[in-house]
Protein backbone atom coordinates (compact mmCIF):
# COMPACT_ATOMS: atom_id res chain seq x y z
CA MET A 1 -59.36 298.02 -104.57
CA THR A 2 -57.87 299.97 -107.45
CA THR A 3 -54.21 300.87 -107.74
CA ALA A 4 -55.04 304.54 -107.23
CA GLN A 5 -56.85 303.79 -103.98
CA PHE A 6 -53.97 301.61 -102.81
CA LEU A 7 -51.40 304.32 -103.54
CA GLN A 8 -53.56 306.91 -101.81
CA ASP A 9 -53.78 304.72 -98.70
CA CYS A 10 -50.00 304.26 -98.73
CA TRP A 11 -49.51 308.01 -99.09
CA TYR A 12 -51.77 308.82 -96.14
CA GLU A 13 -50.03 306.16 -94.04
CA LEU A 14 -46.64 307.62 -94.94
CA GLN A 15 -47.76 311.15 -94.08
CA ALA A 16 -49.11 309.98 -90.72
CA ARG A 17 -45.79 308.30 -89.90
CA LEU A 18 -43.82 311.41 -90.89
CA LEU A 19 -46.09 313.64 -88.80
CA SER A 20 -45.66 311.45 -85.72
CA LEU A 21 -41.89 311.35 -86.27
CA ASN A 22 -41.77 315.15 -86.58
CA ALA A 23 -43.83 315.51 -83.41
CA ASP A 24 -41.43 313.23 -81.52
CA SER A 25 -38.44 315.20 -82.80
CA LEU A 26 -39.97 318.54 -81.82
CA ILE A 27 -40.75 317.26 -78.32
CA LYS A 28 -37.18 315.99 -77.87
CA VAL A 29 -35.65 319.25 -79.12
CA SER A 30 -37.78 321.46 -76.87
């Protein structure tokens, strides 16, 4: 695996975590 692929995987993982956190926050607020 190249460094670029590794960083891309990390980025997608991070985005997925942020999206799930935002969804949880929105549900709690509303």
